[in-house]
C-alpha atoms as a PDB file:
ATOM      1  CA  MET A   1      94.325 104.907 114.643  1.00  0.00           C
ATOM      2  CA  PRO A   2      91.646 103.254 116.557  1.00  0.00           C
ATOM      3  CA  HIS A   3      88.396 102.701 114.600  1.00  0.00           C
ATOM      4  CA  TYR A   4      84.794 103.115 115.858  1.00  0.00           C
ATOM      5  CA  ILE A   5      81.389 101.937 114.637  1.00  0.00           C
ATOM      6  CA  SER A   6      78.544 103.967 115.724  1.00  0.00           C
ATOM      7  CA  LEU A   7      75.039 102.180 115.304  1.00  0.00           C
ATOM      8  CA  MET A   8      72.224 104.819 115.203  1.00  0.00           C
ATOM      9  CA  ARG A   9      68.805 105.187 115.247  1.00  0.00           C
ATOM     10  CA  TRP A  10      66.851 108.385 114.224  1.00  0.00           C
ATOM     11  CA  THR A  11      64.958 110.234 116.993  1.00  0.00           C
ATOM     12  CA  SER A  12      61.744 111.747 116.045  1.00  0.00           C
ATOM     13  CA  LYS A  13      63.671 115.179 115.755  1.00  0.00           C
ATOM     14  CA  GLY A  14      66.234 113.390 113.270  1.00  0.00           C
ATOM     15  CA  MET A  15      63.211 111.956 111.196  1.00  0.00           C
ATOM     16  CA  ALA A  16      61.960 115.545 110.988  1.00  0.00           C
ATOM     17  CA  GLY A  17      65.045 116.848 110.047  1.00  0.00           C
ATOM     18  CA  LEU A  18      65.756 114.349 107.293  1.00  0.00           C
ATOM     19  CA  PRO A  19      65.750 117.084 104.462  1.00  0.00           C
ATOM     20  CA  GLY A  20      68.768 118.710 106.342  1.00  0.00           C
ATOM     21  CA  TRP A  21      70.854 115.272 106.753  1.00  0.00           C
ATOM     22  CA  ARG A  22      73.326 116.065 104.249  1.00  0.00           C
ATOM     23  CA  GLU A  23      74.431 118.990 106.128  1.00  0.00           C
ATOM     24  CA  ARG A  24      74.406 117.068 109.383  1.00  0.00           C
ATOM     25  CA  VAL A  25      76.739 114.514 107.713  1.00  0.00           C
ATOM     26  CA  ASP A  26      79.158 117.322 106.586  1.00  0.00           C
ATOM     27  CA  GLU A  27      79.054 119.002 110.064  1.00  0.00           C
ATOM     28  CA  GLY A  28      79.783 115.600 111.487  1.00  0.00           C
ATOM     29  CA  GLU A  29      82.590 114.914 109.260  1.00  0.00           C
ATOM     30  CA  ARG A  30      84.137 118.473 110.028  1.00  0.00           C
ATOM     31  CA  ILE A  31      83.817 117.586 113.856  1.00  0.00           C
ATOM     32  CA  ILE A  32      85.630 114.226 113.369  1.00  0.00           C
ATOM     33  CA  GLU A  33      88.311 116.017 111.253  1.00  0.00           C
ATOM     34  CA  ASP A  34      88.830 119.056 113.716  1.00  0.00           C
ATOM     35  CA  ALA A  35      89.416 116.395 116.597  1.00  0.00           C
ATOM     36  CA  GLY A  36      92.157 114.627 114.360  1.00  0.00           C
ATOM     37  CA  GLY A  37      89.814 111.760 113.213  1.00  0.00           C
ATOM     38  CA  LYS A  38      88.512 110.795 109.968  1.00  0.00           C
ATOM     39  CA  LEU A  39      85.178 109.480 108.744  1.00  0.00           C
ATOM     40  CA  ARG A  40      85.627 106.381 107.024  1.00  0.00           C
ATOM     41  CA  GLY A  41      82.020 105.568 105.897  1.00  0.00           C
ATOM     42  CA  ILE A  42      78.419 106.320 106.467  1.00  0.00           C
ATOM     43  CA  TYR A  43      75.523 103.889 105.583  1.00  0.00           C
ATOM     44  CA  VAL A  44      71.755 104.110 105.837  1.00  0.00           C
ATOM     45  CA  THR A  45      70.971 100.726 106.703  1.00  0.00           C
ATOM     46  CA  LEU A  46      67.813  98.234 106.859  1.00  0.00           C
ATOM     47  CA  GLY A  47      66.954  96.474 110.165  1.00  0.00           C
ATOM     48  CA  ARG A  48      67.477  97.676 113.930  1.00  0.00           C
ATOM     49  CA  TYR A  49      69.577 100.593 113.008  1.00  0.00           C
ATOM     50  CA  ASP A  50      69.034 103.413 110.417  1.00  0.00           C
ATOM     51  CA  VAL A  51      72.522 104.435 110.006  1.00  0.00           C
ATOM     52  CA  VAL A  52      75.999 102.787 110.531  1.00  0.00           C
ATOM     53  CA  GLU A  53      79.058 105.178 110.866  1.00  0.00           C
ATOM     54  CA  ILE A  54      82.574 104.145 110.864  1.00  0.00           C
ATOM     55  CA  PHE A  55      85.229 106.858 112.048  1.00  0.00           C
ATOM     56  CA  GLU A  56      88.761 106.809 113.164  1.00  0.00           C
ATOM     57  CA  ALA A  57      90.007 109.056 116.291  1.00  0.00           C
ATOM     58  CA  PRO A  58      93.481 109.127 117.810  1.00  0.00           C
ATOM     59  CA  ASN A  59      92.142 107.647 121.081  1.00  0.00           C
ATOM     60  CA  ASP A  60      89.106 106.803 123.296  1.00  0.00           C
ATOM     61  CA  GLU A  61      89.048 110.085 124.780  1.00  0.00           C
ATOM     62  CA  VAL A  62      88.916 111.950 121.690  1.00  0.00           C
ATOM     63  CA  ALA A  63      86.037 109.406 120.232  1.00  0.00           C
ATOM     64  CA  VAL A  64      83.970 110.330 123.423  1.00  0.00           C
ATOM     65  CA  GLU A  65      84.597 114.121 122.698  1.00  0.00           C
ATOM     66  CA  ILE A  66      83.495 113.519 119.115  1.00  0.00           C
ATOM     67  CA  LEU A  67      80.455 111.525 120.054  1.00  0.00           C
ATOM     68  CA  MET A  68      79.378 114.102 122.617  1.00  0.00           C
ATOM     69  CA  LYS A  69      79.692 117.185 120.071  1.00  0.00           C
ATOM     70  CA  LEU A  70      77.736 115.021 117.484  1.00  0.00           C
ATOM     71  CA  GLN A  71      75.078 114.323 120.121  1.00  0.00           C
ATOM     72  CA  ARG A  72      74.212 118.152 120.333  1.00  0.00           C
ATOM     73  CA  PHE A  73      71.855 117.659 117.481  1.00  0.00           C
ATOM     74  CA  ALA A  74      69.763 115.069 119.091  1.00  0.00           C
ATOM     75  CA  ALA A  75      69.049 113.559 115.959  1.00  0.00           C
ATOM     76  CA  GLU A  76      69.903 109.971 116.858  1.00  0.00           C
ATOM     77  CA  HIS A  77      70.474 107.607 119.604  1.00  0.00           C
ATOM     78  CA  THR A  78      73.761 105.934 119.262  1.00  0.00           C
ATOM     79  CA  GLU A  79      75.668 102.717 120.428  1.00  0.00           C
ATOM     80  CA  THR A  80      79.378 102.865 119.671  1.00  0.00           C
ATOM     81  CA  LEU A  81      81.856  99.973 119.631  1.00  0.00           C
ATOM     82  CA  ARG A  82      85.496 100.110 119.523  1.00  0.00           C
ATOM     83  CA  ALA A  83      86.612  98.118 116.504  1.00  0.00           C
ATOM     84  CA  PHE A  84      89.816  96.268 116.070  1.00  0.00           C
ATOM     85  CA  THR A  85      91.320  95.782 112.410  1.00  0.00           C
ATOM     86  CA  ARG A  86      92.269  92.296 111.574  1.00  0.00           C
ATOM     87  CA  GLU A  87      96.033  93.226 112.051  1.00  0.00           C
ATOM     88  CA  GLU A  88      95.281  94.547 115.452  1.00  0.00           C
ATOM     89  CA  ALA A  89      93.313  91.605 116.473  1.00  0.00           C
ATOM     90  CA  GLU A  90      96.133  89.193 115.181  1.00  0.00           C
ATOM     91  CA  GLN A  91      98.687  91.065 117.439  1.00  0.00           C
ATOM     92  CA  ILE A  92      96.352  90.521 120.416  1.00  0.00           C
ATOM     93  CA  ILE A  93      95.711  86.756 119.723  1.00  0.00           C
ATOM     94  CA  ARG A  94      99.699  86.364 119.239  1.00  0.00           C
ATOM     95  CA  ARG A  95     100.112  87.673 122.878  1.00  0.00           C
ATOM     96  CA  LEU A  96      97.893  85.015 124.134  1.00  0.00           C
END
């Protein structure tokens, strides 16, 4: 299943709502699972981004659907990357 890495920066609304962050994470996990995906990890980070989330989704279209549903909270600005596992990358490289 494809992997996605979302780099997130909290908005002012997200900062104000930090006491409810655990509930937002739980709701996000439900959204991902309801779409057929899986939350693999969520990390609060130092540096340019506040949070890094790694999730799986059946395909890019479902990943976009998940991200649009998550954005309804308006708590973060996100940049999402499609990630390839080592095995997936090796298969691509073998075809070169």
